[in-house]
């Protein structure tokens, strides 16, 4: 996940990790 807003994107990364067991 390449982003200019790491904090916001970290929340999404945690979301897909929990929901889909997907490493990001």
PDBML (XML) file of the C-alpha atoms, coordinates in Angstrom:
<?xml version="1.0" encoding="UTF-8" ?>
<PDBx:datablock datablockName="MODEL"
   xmlns:PDBx="http://pdbml.pdb.org/schema/pdbx-v50.xsd"
   xmlns:xsi="http://www.w3.org/2001/XMLSchema-instance"
   xsi:schemaLocation="http://pdbml.pdb.org/schema/pdbx-v50.xsd pdbx-v50.xsd">
   <PDBx:atom_siteCategory>
      <PDBx:atom_site id="1">
         <PDBx:B_iso_or_equiv>0.00</PDBx:B_iso_or_equiv>
         <PDBx:Cartn_x>0.000</PDBx:Cartn_x>
         <PDBx:Cartn_y>0.000</PDBx:Cartn_y>
         <PDBx:Cartn_z>0.000</PDBx:Cartn_z>
         <PDBx:auth_asym_id>A</PDBx:auth_asym_id>
         <PDBx:auth_atom_id>CA</PDBx:auth_atom_id>
         <PDBx:auth_comp_id>UNK</PDBx:auth_comp_id>
         <PDBx:auth_seq_id>1</PDBx:auth_seq_id>
         <PDBx:group_PDB>ATOM</PDBx:group_PDB>
         <PDBx:label_alt_id xsi:nil="true" />
         <PDBx:label_asym_id>A</PDBx:label_asym_id>
         <PDBx:label_atom_id>CA</PDBx:label_atom_id>
         <PDBx:label_comp_id>UNK</PDBx:label_comp_id>
         <PDBx:label_entity_id>1</PDBx:label_entity_id>
         <PDBx:label_seq_id>1</PDBx:label_seq_id>
         <PDBx:occupancy>1.00</PDBx:occupancy>
         <PDBx:pdbx_PDB_model_num>1</PDBx:pdbx_PDB_model_num>
         <PDBx:type_symbol>C</PDBx:type_symbol>
      </PDBx:atom_site>
      <PDBx:atom_site id="2">
         <PDBx:B_iso_or_equiv>0.00</PDBx:B_iso_or_equiv>
         <PDBx:Cartn_x>1.900</PDBx:Cartn_x>
         <PDBx:Cartn_y>3.028</PDBx:Cartn_y>
         <PDBx:Cartn_z>-1.327</PDBx:Cartn_z>
         <PDBx:auth_asym_id>A</PDBx:auth_asym_id>
         <PDBx:auth_atom_id>CA</PDBx:auth_atom_id>
         <PDBx:auth_comp_id>UNK</PDBx:auth_comp_id>
         <PDBx:auth_seq_id>2</PDBx:auth_seq_id>
         <PDBx:group_PDB>ATOM</PDBx:group_PDB>
         <PDBx:label_alt_id xsi:nil="true" />
         <PDBx:label_asym_id>A</PDBx:label_asym_id>
         <PDBx:label_atom_id>CA</PDBx:label_atom_id>
         <PDBx:label_comp_id>UNK</PDBx:label_comp_id>
         <PDBx:label_entity_id>1</PDBx:label_entity_id>
         <PDBx:label_seq_id>2</PDBx:label_seq_id>
         <PDBx:occupancy>1.00</PDBx:occupancy>
         <PDBx:pdbx_PDB_model_num>1</PDBx:pdbx_PDB_model_num>
         <PDBx:type_symbol>C</PDBx:type_symbol>
      </PDBx:atom_site>
      <PDBx:atom_site id="3">
         <PDBx:B_iso_or_equiv>0.00</PDBx:B_iso_or_equiv>
         <PDBx:Cartn_x>0.537</PDBx:Cartn_x>
         <PDBx:Cartn_y>6.216</PDBx:Cartn_y>
         <PDBx:Cartn_z>0.180</PDBx:Cartn_z>
         <PDBx:auth_asym_id>A</PDBx:auth_asym_id>
         <PDBx:auth_atom_id>CA</PDBx:auth_atom_id>
         <PDBx:auth_comp_id>UNK</PDBx:auth_comp_id>
         <PDBx:auth_seq_id>3</PDBx:auth_seq_id>
         <PDBx:group_PDB>ATOM</PDBx:group_PDB>
         <PDBx:label_alt_id xsi:nil="true" />
         <PDBx:label_asym_id>A</PDBx:label_asym_id>
         <PDBx:label_atom_id>CA</PDBx:label_atom_id>
         <PDBx:label_comp_id>UNK</PDBx:label_comp_id>
         <PDBx:label_entity_id>1</PDBx:label_entity_id>
         <PDBx:label_seq_id>3</PDBx:label_seq_id>
         <PDBx:occupancy>1.00</PDBx:occupancy>
         <PDBx:pdbx_PDB_model_num>1</PDBx:pdbx_PDB_model_num>
         <PDBx:type_symbol>C</PDBx:type_symbol>
      </PDBx:atom_site>
      <PDBx:atom_site id="4">
         <PDBx:B_iso_or_equiv>0.00</PDBx:B_iso_or_equiv>
         <PDBx:Cartn_x>1.199</PDBx:Cartn_x>
         <PDBx:Cartn_y>9.815</PDBx:Cartn_y>
         <PDBx:Cartn_z>1.201</PDBx:Cartn_z>
         <PDBx:auth_asym_id>A</PDBx:auth_asym_id>
         <PDBx:auth_atom_id>CA</PDBx:auth_atom_id>
         <PDBx:auth_comp_id>UNK</PDBx:auth_comp_id>
         <PDBx:auth_seq_id>4</PDBx:auth_seq_id>
         <PDBx:group_PDB>ATOM</PDBx:group_PDB>
         <PDBx:label_alt_id xsi:nil="true" />
         <PDBx:label_asym_id>A</PDBx:label_asym_id>
         <PDBx:label_atom_id>CA</PDBx:label_atom_id>
         <PDBx:label_comp_id>UNK</PDBx:label_comp_id>
         <PDBx:label_entity_id>1</PDBx:label_entity_id>
         <PDBx:label_seq_id>4</PDBx:label_seq_id>
         <PDBx:occupancy>1.00</PDBx:occupancy>
         <PDBx:pdbx_PDB_model_num>1</PDBx:pdbx_PDB_model_num>
         <PDBx:type_symbol>C</PDBx:type_symbol>
      </PDBx:atom_site>
      <PDBx:atom_site id="5">
         <PDBx:B_iso_or_equiv>0.00</PDBx:B_iso_or_equiv>
         <PDBx:Cartn_x>-0.788</PDBx:Cartn_x>
         <PDBx:Cartn_y>9.242</PDBx:Cartn_y>
         <PDBx:Cartn_z>4.398</PDBx:Cartn_z>
         <PDBx:auth_asym_id>A</PDBx:auth_asym_id>
         <PDBx:auth_atom_id>CA</PDBx:auth_atom_id>
         <PDBx:auth_comp_id>UNK</PDBx:auth_comp_id>
         <PDBx:auth_seq_id>5</PDBx:auth_seq_id>
         <PDBx:group_PDB>ATOM</PDBx:group_PDB>
         <PDBx:label_alt_id xsi:nil="true" />
         <PDBx:label_asym_id>A</PDBx:label_asym_id>
         <PDBx:label_atom_id>CA</PDBx:label_atom_id>
         <PDBx:label_comp_id>UNK</PDBx:label_comp_id>
         <PDBx:label_entity_id>1</PDBx:label_entity_id>
         <PDBx:label_seq_id>5</PDBx:label_seq_id>
         <PDBx:occupancy>1.00</PDBx:occupancy>
         <PDBx:pdbx_PDB_model_num>1</PDBx:pdbx_PDB_model_num>
         <PDBx:type_symbol>C</PDBx:type_symbol>
      </PDBx:atom_site>
      <PDBx:atom_site id="6">
         <PDBx:B_iso_or_equiv>0.00</PDBx:B_iso_or_equiv>
         <PDBx:Cartn_x>0.725</PDBx:Cartn_x>
         <PDBx:Cartn_y>6.353</PDBx:Cartn_y>
         <PDBx:Cartn_z>6.352</PDBx:Cartn_z>
         <PDBx:auth_asym_id>A</PDBx:auth_asym_id>
         <PDBx:auth_atom_id>CA</PDBx:auth_atom_id>
         <PDBx:auth_comp_id>UNK</PDBx:auth_comp_id>
         <PDBx:auth_seq_id>6</PDBx:auth_seq_id>
         <PDBx:group_PDB>ATOM</PDBx:group_PDB>
         <PDBx:label_alt_id xsi:nil="true" />
         <PDBx:label_asym_id>A</PDBx:label_asym_id>
         <PDBx:label_atom_id>CA</PDBx:label_atom_id>
         <PDBx:label_comp_id>UNK</PDBx:label_comp_id>
         <PDBx:label_entity_id>1</PDBx:label_entity_id>
         <PDBx:label_seq_id>6</PDBx:label_seq_id>
         <PDBx:occupancy>1.00</PDBx:occupancy>
         <PDBx:pdbx_PDB_model_num>1</PDBx:pdbx_PDB_model_num>
         <PDBx:type_symbol>C</PDBx:type_symbol>
      </PDBx:atom_site>
      <PDBx:atom_site id="7">
         <PDBx:B_iso_or_equiv>0.00</PDBx:B_iso_or_equiv>
         <PDBx:Cartn_x>-1.502</PDBx:Cartn_x>
         <PDBx:Cartn_y>6.668</PDBx:Cartn_y>
         <PDBx:Cartn_z>9.435</PDBx:Cartn_z>
         <PDBx:auth_asym_id>A</PDBx:auth_asym_id>
         <PDBx:auth_atom_id>CA</PDBx:auth_atom_id>
         <PDBx:auth_comp_id>UNK</PDBx:auth_comp_id>
         <PDBx:auth_seq_id>7</PDBx:auth_seq_id>
         <PDBx:group_PDB>ATOM</PDBx:group_PDB>
         <PDBx:label_alt_id xsi:nil="true" />
         <PDBx:label_asym_id>A</PDBx:label_asym_id>
         <PDBx:label_atom_id>CA</PDBx:label_atom_id>
         <PDBx:label_comp_id>UNK</PDBx:label_comp_id>
         <PDBx:label_entity_id>1</PDBx:label_entity_id>
         <PDBx:label_seq_id>7</PDBx:label_seq_id>
         <PDBx:occupancy>1.00</PDBx:occupancy>
         <PDBx:pdbx_PDB_model_num>1</PDBx:pdbx_PDB_model_num>
         <PDBx:type_symbol>C</PDBx:type_symbol>
      </PDBx:atom_site>
      <PDBx:atom_site id="8">
         <PDBx:B_iso_or_equiv>0.00</PDBx:B_iso_or_equiv>
         <PDBx:Cartn_x>-4.735</PDBx:Cartn_x>
         <PDBx:Cartn_y>6.410</PDBx:Cartn_y>
         <PDBx:Cartn_z>7.454</PDBx:Cartn_z>
         <PDBx:auth_asym_id>A</PDBx:auth_asym_id>
         <PDBx:auth_atom_id>CA</PDBx:auth_atom_id>
         <PDBx:auth_comp_id>UNK</PDBx:auth_comp_id>
         <PDBx:auth_seq_id>8</PDBx:auth_seq_id>
         <PDBx:group_PDB>ATOM</PDBx:group_PDB>
         <PDBx:label_alt_id xsi:nil="true" />
         <PDBx:label_asym_id>A</PDBx:label_asym_id>
         <PDBx:label_atom_id>CA</PDBx:label_atom_id>
         <PDBx:label_comp_id>UNK</PDBx:label_comp_id>
         <PDBx:label_entity_id>1</PDBx:label_entity_id>
         <PDBx:label_seq_id>8</PDBx:label_seq_id>
         <PDBx:occupancy>1.00</PDBx:occupancy>
         <PDBx:pdbx_PDB_model_num>1</PDBx:pdbx_PDB_model_num>
         <PDBx:type_symbol>C</PDBx:type_symbol>
      </PDBx:atom_site>
      <PDBx:atom_site id="9">
         <PDBx:B_iso_or_equiv>0.00</PDBx:B_iso_or_equiv>
         <PDBx:Cartn_x>-3.404</PDBx:Cartn_x>
         <PDBx:Cartn_y>3.550</PDBx:Cartn_y>
         <PDBx:Cartn_z>5.354</PDBx:Cartn_z>
         <PDBx:auth_asym_id>A</PDBx:auth_asym_id>
         <PDBx:auth_atom_id>CA</PDBx:auth_atom_id>
         <PDBx:auth_comp_id>UNK</PDBx:auth_comp_id>
         <PDBx:auth_seq_id>9</PDBx:auth_seq_id>
         <PDBx:group_PDB>ATOM</PDBx:group_PDB>
         <PDBx:label_alt_id xsi:nil="true" />
         <PDBx:label_asym_id>A</PDBx:label_asym_id>
         <PDBx:label_atom_id>CA</PDBx:label_atom_id>
         <PDBx:label_comp_id>UNK</PDBx:label_comp_id>
         <PDBx:label_entity_id>1</PDBx:label_entity_id>
         <PDBx:label_seq_id>9</PDBx:label_seq_id>
         <PDBx:occupancy>1.00</PDBx:occupancy>
         <PDBx:pdbx_PDB_model_num>1</PDBx:pdbx_PDB_model_num>
         <PDBx:type_symbol>C</PDBx:type_symbol>
      </PDBx:atom_site>
      <PDBx:atom_site id="10">
         <PDBx:B_iso_or_equiv>0.00</PDBx:B_iso_or_equiv>
         <PDBx:Cartn_x>-2.147</PDBx:Cartn_x>
         <PDBx:Cartn_y>1.606</PDBx:Cartn_y>
         <PDBx:Cartn_z>8.386</PDBx:Cartn_z>
         <PDBx:auth_asym_id>A</PDBx:auth_asym_id>
         <PDBx:auth_atom_id>CA</PDBx:auth_atom_id>
         <PDBx:auth_comp_id>UNK</PDBx:auth_comp_id>
         <PDBx:auth_seq_id>10</PDBx:auth_seq_id>
         <PDBx:group_PDB>ATOM</PDBx:group_PDB>
         <PDBx:label_alt_id xsi:nil="true" />
         <PDBx:label_asym_id>A</PDBx:label_asym_id>
         <PDBx:label_atom_id>CA</PDBx:label_atom_id>
         <PDBx:label_comp_id>UNK</PDBx:label_comp_id>
         <PDBx:label_entity_id>1</PDBx:label_entity_id>
         <PDBx:label_seq_id>10</PDBx:label_seq_id>
         <PDBx:occupancy>1.00</PDBx:occupancy>
         <PDBx:pdbx_PDB_model_num>1</PDBx:pdbx_PDB_model_num>
         <PDBx:type_symbol>C</PDBx:type_symbol>
      </PDBx:atom_site>
      <PDBx:atom_site id="11">
         <PDBx:B_iso_or_equiv>0.00</PDBx:B_iso_or_equiv>
         <PDBx:Cartn_x>-5.763</PDBx:Cartn_x>
         <PDBx:Cartn_y>1.416</PDBx:Cartn_y>
         <PDBx:Cartn_z>9.570</PDBx:Cartn_z>
         <PDBx:auth_asym_id>A</PDBx:auth_asym_id>
         <PDBx:auth_atom_id>CA</PDBx:auth_atom_id>
         <PDBx:auth_comp_id>UNK</PDBx:auth_comp_id>
         <PDBx:auth_seq_id>11</PDBx:auth_seq_id>
         <PDBx:group_PDB>ATOM</PDBx:group_PDB>
         <PDBx:label_alt_id xsi:nil="true" />
         <PDBx:label_asym_id>A</PDBx:label_asym_id>
         <PDBx:label_atom_id>CA</PDBx:label_atom_id>
         <PDBx:label_comp_id>UNK</PDBx:label_comp_id>
         <PDBx:label_entity_id>1</PDBx:label_entity_id>
         <PDBx:label_seq_id>11</PDBx:label_seq_id>
         <PDBx:occupancy>1.00</PDBx:occupancy>
         <PDBx:pdbx_PDB_model_num>1</PDBx:pdbx_PDB_model_num>
         <PDBx:type_symbol>C</PDBx:type_symbol>
      </PDBx:atom_site>
      <PDBx:atom_site id="12">
         <PDBx:B_iso_or_equiv>0.00</PDBx:B_iso_or_equiv>
         <PDBx:Cartn_x>-6.783</PDBx:Cartn_x>
         <PDBx:Cartn_y>-0.098</PDBx:Cartn_y>
         <PDBx:Cartn_z>6.236</PDBx:Cartn_z>
         <PDBx:auth_asym_id>A</PDBx:auth_asym_id>
         <PDBx:auth_atom_id>CA</PDBx:auth_atom_id>
         <PDBx:auth_comp_id>UNK</PDBx:auth_comp_id>
         <PDBx:auth_seq_id>12</PDBx:auth_seq_id>
         <PDBx:group_PDB>ATOM</PDBx:group_PDB>
         <PDBx:label_alt_id xsi:nil="true" />
         <PDBx:label_asym_id>A</PDBx:label_asym_id>
         <PDBx:label_atom_id>CA</PDBx:label_atom_id>
         <PDBx:label_comp_id>UNK</PDBx:label_comp_id>
         <PDBx:label_entity_id>1</PDBx:label_entity_id>
         <PDBx:label_seq_id>12</PDBx:label_seq_id>
         <PDBx:occupancy>1.00</PDBx:occupancy>
         <PDBx:pdbx_PDB_model_num>1</PDBx:pdbx_PDB_model_num>
         <PDBx:type_symbol>C</PDBx:type_symbol>
      </PDBx:atom_site>
      <PDBx:atom_site id="13">
         <PDBx:B_iso_or_equiv>0.00</PDBx:B_iso_or_equiv>
         <PDBx:Cartn_x>-3.861</PDBx:Cartn_x>
         <PDBx:Cartn_y>-2.536</PDBx:Cartn_y>
         <PDBx:Cartn_z>6.370</PDBx:Cartn_z>
         <PDBx:auth_asym_id>A</PDBx:auth_asym_id>
         <PDBx:auth_atom_id>CA</PDBx:auth_atom_id>
         <PDBx:auth_comp_id>UNK</PDBx:auth_comp_id>
         <PDBx:auth_seq_id>13</PDBx:auth_seq_id>
         <PDBx:group_PDB>ATOM</PDBx:group_PDB>
         <PDBx:label_alt_id xsi:nil="true" />
         <PDBx:label_asym_id>A</PDBx:label_asym_id>
         <PDBx:label_atom_id>CA</PDBx:label_atom_id>
         <PDBx:label_comp_id>UNK</PDBx:label_comp_id>
         <PDBx:label_entity_id>1</PDBx:label_entity_id>
         <PDBx:label_seq_id>13</PDBx:label_seq_id>
         <PDBx:occupancy>1.00</PDBx:occupancy>
         <PDBx:pdbx_PDB_model_num>1</PDBx:pdbx_PDB_model_num>
         <PDBx:type_symbol>C</PDBx:type_symbol>
      </PDBx:atom_site>
      <PDBx:atom_site id="14">
         <PDBx:B_iso_or_equiv>0.00</PDBx:B_iso_or_equiv>
         <PDBx:Cartn_x>-4.994</PDBx:Cartn_x>
         <PDBx:Cartn_y>-3.731</PDBx:Cartn_y>
         <PDBx:Cartn_z>9.802</PDBx:Cartn_z>
         <PDBx:auth_asym_id>A</PDBx:auth_asym_id>
         <PDBx:auth_atom_id>CA</PDBx:auth_atom_id>
         <PDBx:auth_comp_id>UNK</PDBx:auth_comp_id>
         <PDBx:auth_seq_id>14</PDBx:auth_seq_id>
         <PDBx:group_PDB>ATOM</PDBx:group_PDB>
         <PDBx:label_alt_id xsi:nil="true" />
         <PDBx:label_asym_id>A</PDBx:label_asym_id>
         <PDBx:label_atom_id>CA</PDBx:label_atom_id>
         <PDBx:label_comp_id>UNK</PDBx:label_comp_id>
         <PDBx:label_entity_id>1</PDBx:label_entity_id>
         <PDBx:label_seq_id>14</PDBx:label_seq_id>
         <PDBx:occupancy>1.00</PDBx:occupancy>
         <PDBx:pdbx_PDB_model_num>1</PDBx:pdbx_PDB_model_num>
         <PDBx:type_symbol>C</PDBx:type_symbol>
      </PDBx:atom_site>
      <PDBx:atom_site id="15">
         <PDBx:B_iso_or_equiv>0.00</PDBx:B_iso_or_equiv>
         <PDBx:Cartn_x>-8.574</PDBx:Cartn_x>
         <PDBx:Cartn_y>-3.997</PDBx:Cartn_y>
         <PDBx:Cartn_z>8.519</PDBx:Cartn_z>
         <PDBx:auth_asym_id>A</PDBx:auth_asym_id>
         <PDBx:auth_atom_id>CA</PDBx:auth_atom_id>
         <PDBx:auth_comp_id>UNK</PDBx:auth_comp_id>
         <PDBx:auth_seq_id>15</PDBx:auth_seq_id>
         <PDBx:group_PDB>ATOM</PDBx:group_PDB>
         <PDBx:label_alt_id xsi:nil="true" />
         <PDBx:label_asym_id>A</PDBx:label_asym_id>
         <PDBx:label_atom_id>CA</PDBx:label_atom_id>
         <PDBx:label_comp_id>UNK</PDBx:label_comp_id>
         <PDBx:label_entity_id>1</PDBx:label_entity_id>
         <PDBx:label_seq_id>15</PDBx:label_seq_id>
         <PDBx:occupancy>1.00</PDBx:occupancy>
         <PDBx:pdbx_PDB_model_num>1</PDBx:pdbx_PDB_model_num>
         <PDBx:type_symbol>C</PDBx:type_symbol>
      </PDBx:atom_site>
      <PDBx:atom_site id="16">
         <PDBx:B_iso_or_equiv>0.00</PDBx:B_iso_or_equiv>
         <PDBx:Cartn_x>-7.717</PDBx:Cartn_x>
         <PDBx:Cartn_y>-6.372</PDBx:Cartn_y>
         <PDBx:Cartn_z>5.649</PDBx:Cartn_z>
         <PDBx:auth_asym_id>A</PDBx:auth_asym_id>
         <PDBx:auth_atom_id>CA</PDBx:auth_atom_id>
         <PDBx:auth_comp_id>UNK</PDBx:auth_comp_id>
         <PDBx:auth_seq_id>16</PDBx:auth_seq_id>
         <PDBx:group_PDB>ATOM</PDBx:group_PDB>
         <PDBx:label_alt_id xsi:nil="true" />
         <PDBx:label_asym_id>A</PDBx:label_asym_id>
         <PDBx:label_atom_id>CA</PDBx:label_atom_id>
         <PDBx:label_comp_id>UNK</PDBx:label_comp_id>
         <PDBx:label_entity_id>1</PDBx:label_entity_id>
         <PDBx:label_seq_id>16</PDBx:label_seq_id>
         <PDBx:occupancy>1.00</PDBx:occupancy>
         <PDBx:pdbx_PDB_model_num>1</PDBx:pdbx_PDB_model_num>
         <PDBx:type_symbol>C</PDBx:type_symbol>
      </PDBx:atom_site>
      <PDBx:atom_site id="17">
         <PDBx:B_iso_or_equiv>0.00</PDBx:B_iso_or_equiv>
         <PDBx:Cartn_x>-5.393</PDBx:Cartn_x>
         <PDBx:Cartn_y>-8.343</PDBx:Cartn_y>
         <PDBx:Cartn_z>7.926</PDBx:Cartn_z>
         <PDBx:auth_asym_id>A</PDBx:auth_asym_id>
         <PDBx:auth_atom_id>CA</PDBx:auth_atom_id>
         <PDBx:auth_comp_id>UNK</PDBx:auth_comp_id>
         <PDBx:auth_seq_id>17</PDBx:auth_seq_id>
         <PDBx:group_PDB>ATOM</PDBx:group_PDB>
         <PDBx:label_alt_id xsi:nil="true" />
         <PDBx:label_asym_id>A</PDBx:label_asym_id>
         <PDBx:label_atom_id>CA</PDBx:label_atom_id>
         <PDBx:label_comp_id>UNK</PDBx:label_comp_id>
         <PDBx:label_entity_id>1</PDBx:label_entity_id>
         <PDBx:label_seq_id>17</PDBx:label_seq_id>
         <PDBx:occupancy>1.00</PDBx:occupancy>
         <PDBx:pdbx_PDB_model_num>1</PDBx:pdbx_PDB_model_num>
         <PDBx:type_symbol>C</PDBx:type_symbol>
      </PDBx:atom_site>
      <PDBx:atom_site id="18">
         <PDBx:B_iso_or_equiv>0.00</PDBx:B_iso_or_equiv>
         <PDBx:Cartn_x>-8.235</PDBx:Cartn_x>
         <PDBx:Cartn_y>-8.983</PDBx:Cartn_y>
         <PDBx:Cartn_z>10.379</PDBx:Cartn_z>
         <PDBx:auth_asym_id>A</PDBx:auth_asym_id>
         <PDBx:auth_atom_id>CA</PDBx:auth_atom_id>
         <PDBx:auth_comp_id>UNK</PDBx:auth_comp_id>
         <PDBx:auth_seq_id>18</PDBx:auth_seq_id>
         <PDBx:group_PDB>ATOM</PDBx:group_PDB>
         <PDBx:label_alt_id xsi:nil="true" />
         <PDBx:label_asym_id>A</PDBx:label_asym_id>
         <PDBx:label_atom_id>CA</PDBx:label_atom_id>
         <PDBx:label_comp_id>UNK</PDBx:label_comp_id>
         <PDBx:label_entity_id>1</PDBx:label_entity_id>
         <PDBx:label_seq_id>18</PDBx:label_seq_id>
         <PDBx:occupancy>1.00</PDBx:occupancy>
         <PDBx:pdbx_PDB_model_num>1</PDBx:pdbx_PDB_model_num>
         <PDBx:type_symbol>C</PDBx:type_symbol>
      </PDBx:atom_site>
      <PDBx:atom_site id="19">
         <PDBx:B_iso_or_equiv>0.00</PDBx:B_iso_or_equiv>
         <PDBx:Cartn_x>-11.003</PDBx:Cartn_x>
         <PDBx:Cartn_y>-9.444</PDBx:Cartn_y>
         <PDBx:Cartn_z>7.787</PDBx:Cartn_z>
         <PDBx:auth_asym_id>A</PDBx:auth_asym_id>
         <PDBx:auth_atom_id>CA</PDBx:auth_atom_id>
         <PDBx:auth_comp_id>UNK</PDBx:auth_comp_id>
         <PDBx:auth_seq_id>19</PDBx:auth_seq_id>
         <PDBx:group_PDB>ATOM</PDBx:group_PDB>
         <PDBx:label_alt_id xsi:nil="true" />
         <PDBx:label_asym_id>A</PDBx:label_asym_id>
         <PDBx:label_atom_id>CA</PDBx:label_atom_id>
         <PDBx:label_comp_id>UNK</PDBx:label_comp_id>
         <PDBx:label_entity_id>1</PDBx:label_entity_id>
         <PDBx:label_seq_id>19</PDBx:label_seq_id>
         <PDBx:occupancy>1.00</PDBx:occupancy>
         <PDBx:pdbx_PDB_model_num>1</PDBx:pdbx_PDB_model_num>
         <PDBx:type_symbol>C</PDBx:type_symbol>
      </PDBx:atom_site>
      <PDBx:atom_site id="20">
         <PDBx:B_iso_or_equiv>0.00</PDBx:B_iso_or_equiv>
         <PDBx:Cartn_x>-9.149</PDBx:Cartn_x>
         <PDBx:Cartn_y>-11.434</PDBx:Cartn_y>
         <PDBx:Cartn_z>5.131</PDBx:Cartn_z>
         <PDBx:auth_asym_id>A</PDBx:auth_asym_id>
         <PDBx:auth_atom_id>CA</PDBx:auth_atom_id>
         <PDBx:auth_comp_id>UNK</PDBx:auth_comp_id>
         <PDBx:auth_seq_id>20</PDBx:auth_seq_id>
         <PDBx:group_PDB>ATOM</PDBx:group_PDB>
         <PDBx:label_alt_id xsi:nil="true" />
         <PDBx:label_asym_id>A</PDBx:label_asym_id>
         <PDBx:label_atom_id>CA</PDBx:label_atom_id>
         <PDBx:label_comp_id>UNK</PDBx:label_comp_id>
         <PDBx:label_entity_id>1</PDBx:label_entity_id>
         <PDBx:label_seq_id>20</PDBx:label_seq_id>
         <PDBx:occupancy>1.00</PDBx:occupancy>
         <PDBx:pdbx_PDB_model_num>1</PDBx:pdbx_PDB_model_num>
         <PDBx:type_symbol>C</PDBx:type_symbol>
      </PDBx:atom_site>
      <PDBx:atom_site id="21">
         <PDBx:B_iso_or_equiv>0.00</PDBx:B_iso_or_equiv>
         <PDBx:Cartn_x>-5.957</PDBx:Cartn_x>
         <PDBx:Cartn_y>-12.601</PDBx:Cartn_y>
         <PDBx:Cartn_z>6.907</PDBx:Cartn_z>
         <PDBx:auth_asym_id>A</PDBx:auth_asym_id>
         <PDBx:auth_atom_id>CA</PDBx:auth_atom_id>
         <PDBx:auth_comp_id>UNK</PDBx:auth_comp_id>
         <PDBx:auth_seq_id>21</PDBx:auth_seq_id>
         <PDBx:group_PDB>ATOM</PDBx:group_PDB>
         <PDBx:label_alt_id xsi:nil="true" />
         <PDBx:label_asym_id>A</PDBx:label_asym_id>
         <PDBx:label_atom_id>CA</PDBx:label_atom_id>
         <PDBx:label_comp_id>UNK</PDBx:label_comp_id>
         <PDBx:label_entity_id>1</PDBx:label_entity_id>
         <PDBx:label_seq_id>21</PDBx:label_seq_id>
         <PDBx:occupancy>1.00</PDBx:occupancy>
         <PDBx:pdbx_PDB_model_num>1</PDBx:pdbx_PDB_model_num>
         <PDBx:type_symbol>C</PDBx:type_symbol>
      </PDBx:atom_site>
      <PDBx:atom_site id="22">
         <PDBx:B_iso_or_equiv>0.00</PDBx:B_iso_or_equiv>
         <PDBx:Cartn_x>-4.084</PDBx:Cartn_x>
         <PDBx:Cartn_y>-10.711</PDBx:Cartn_y>
         <PDBx:Cartn_z>4.188</PDBx:Cartn_z>
         <PDBx:auth_asym_id>A</PDBx:auth_asym_id>
         <PDBx:auth_atom_id>CA</PDBx:auth_atom_id>
         <PDBx:auth_comp_id>UNK</PDBx:auth_comp_id>
         <PDBx:auth_seq_id>22</PDBx:auth_seq_id>
         <PDBx:group_PDB>ATOM</PDBx:group_PDB>
         <PDBx:label_alt_id xsi:nil="true" />
         <PDBx:label_asym_id>A</PDBx:label_asym_id>
         <PDBx:label_atom_id>CA</PDBx:label_atom_id>
         <PDBx:label_comp_id>UNK</PDBx:label_comp_id>
         <PDBx:label_entity_id>1</PDBx:label_entity_id>
         <PDBx:label_seq_id>22</PDBx:label_seq_id>
         <PDBx:occupancy>1.00</PDBx:occupancy>
         <PDBx:pdbx_PDB_model_num>1</PDBx:pdbx_PDB_model_num>
         <PDBx:type_symbol>C</PDBx:type_symbol>
      </PDBx:atom_site>
      <PDBx:atom_site id="23">
         <PDBx:B_iso_or_equiv>0.00</PDBx:B_iso_or_equiv>
         <PDBx:Cartn_x>-0.587</PDBx:Cartn_x>
         <PDBx:Cartn_y>-9.436</PDBx:Cartn_y>
         <PDBx:Cartn_z>4.861</PDBx:Cartn_z>
         <PDBx:auth_asym_id>A</PDBx:auth_asym_id>
         <PDBx:auth_atom_id>CA</PDBx:auth_atom_id>
         <PDBx:auth_comp_id>UNK</PDBx:auth_comp_id>
         <PDBx:auth_seq_id>23</PDBx:auth_seq_id>
         <PDBx:group_PDB>ATOM</PDBx:group_PDB>
         <PDBx:label_alt_id xsi:nil="true" />
         <PDBx:label_asym_id>A</PDBx:label_asym_id>
         <PDBx:label_atom_id>CA</PDBx:label_atom_id>
         <PDBx:label_comp_id>UNK</PDBx:label_comp_id>
         <PDBx:label_entity_id>1</PDBx:label_entity_id>
         <PDBx:label_seq_id>23</PDBx:label_seq_id>
         <PDBx:occupancy>1.00</PDBx:occupancy>
         <PDBx:pdbx_PDB_model_num>1</PDBx:pdbx_PDB_model_num>
         <PDBx:type_symbol>C</PDBx:type_symbol>
      </PDBx:atom_site>
      <PDBx:atom_site id="24">
         <PDBx:B_iso_or_equiv>0.00</PDBx:B_iso_or_equiv>
         <PDBx:Cartn_x>-0.066</PDBx:Cartn_x>
         <PDBx:Cartn_y>-5.810</PDBx:Cartn_y>
         <PDBx:Cartn_z>3.826</PDBx:Cartn_z>
         <PDBx:auth_asym_id>A</PDBx:auth_asym_id>
         <PDBx:auth_atom_id>CA</PDBx:auth_atom_id>
         <PDBx:auth_comp_id>UNK</PDBx:auth_comp_id>
         <PDBx:auth_seq_id>24</PDBx:auth_seq_id>
         <PDBx:group_PDB>ATOM</PDBx:group_PDB>
         <PDBx:label_alt_id xsi:nil="true" />
         <PDBx:label_asym_id>A</PDBx:label_asym_id>
         <PDBx:label_atom_id>CA</PDBx:label_atom_id>
         <PDBx:label_comp_id>UNK</PDBx:label_comp_id>
         <PDBx:label_entity_id>1</PDBx:label_entity_id>
         <PDBx:label_seq_id>24</PDBx:label_seq_id>
         <PDBx:occupancy>1.00</PDBx:occupancy>
         <PDBx:pdbx_PDB_model_num>1</PDBx:pdbx_PDB_model_num>
         <PDBx:type_symbol>C</PDBx:type_symbol>
      </PDBx:atom_site>
   </PDBx:atom_siteCategory>
</PDBx:datablock>
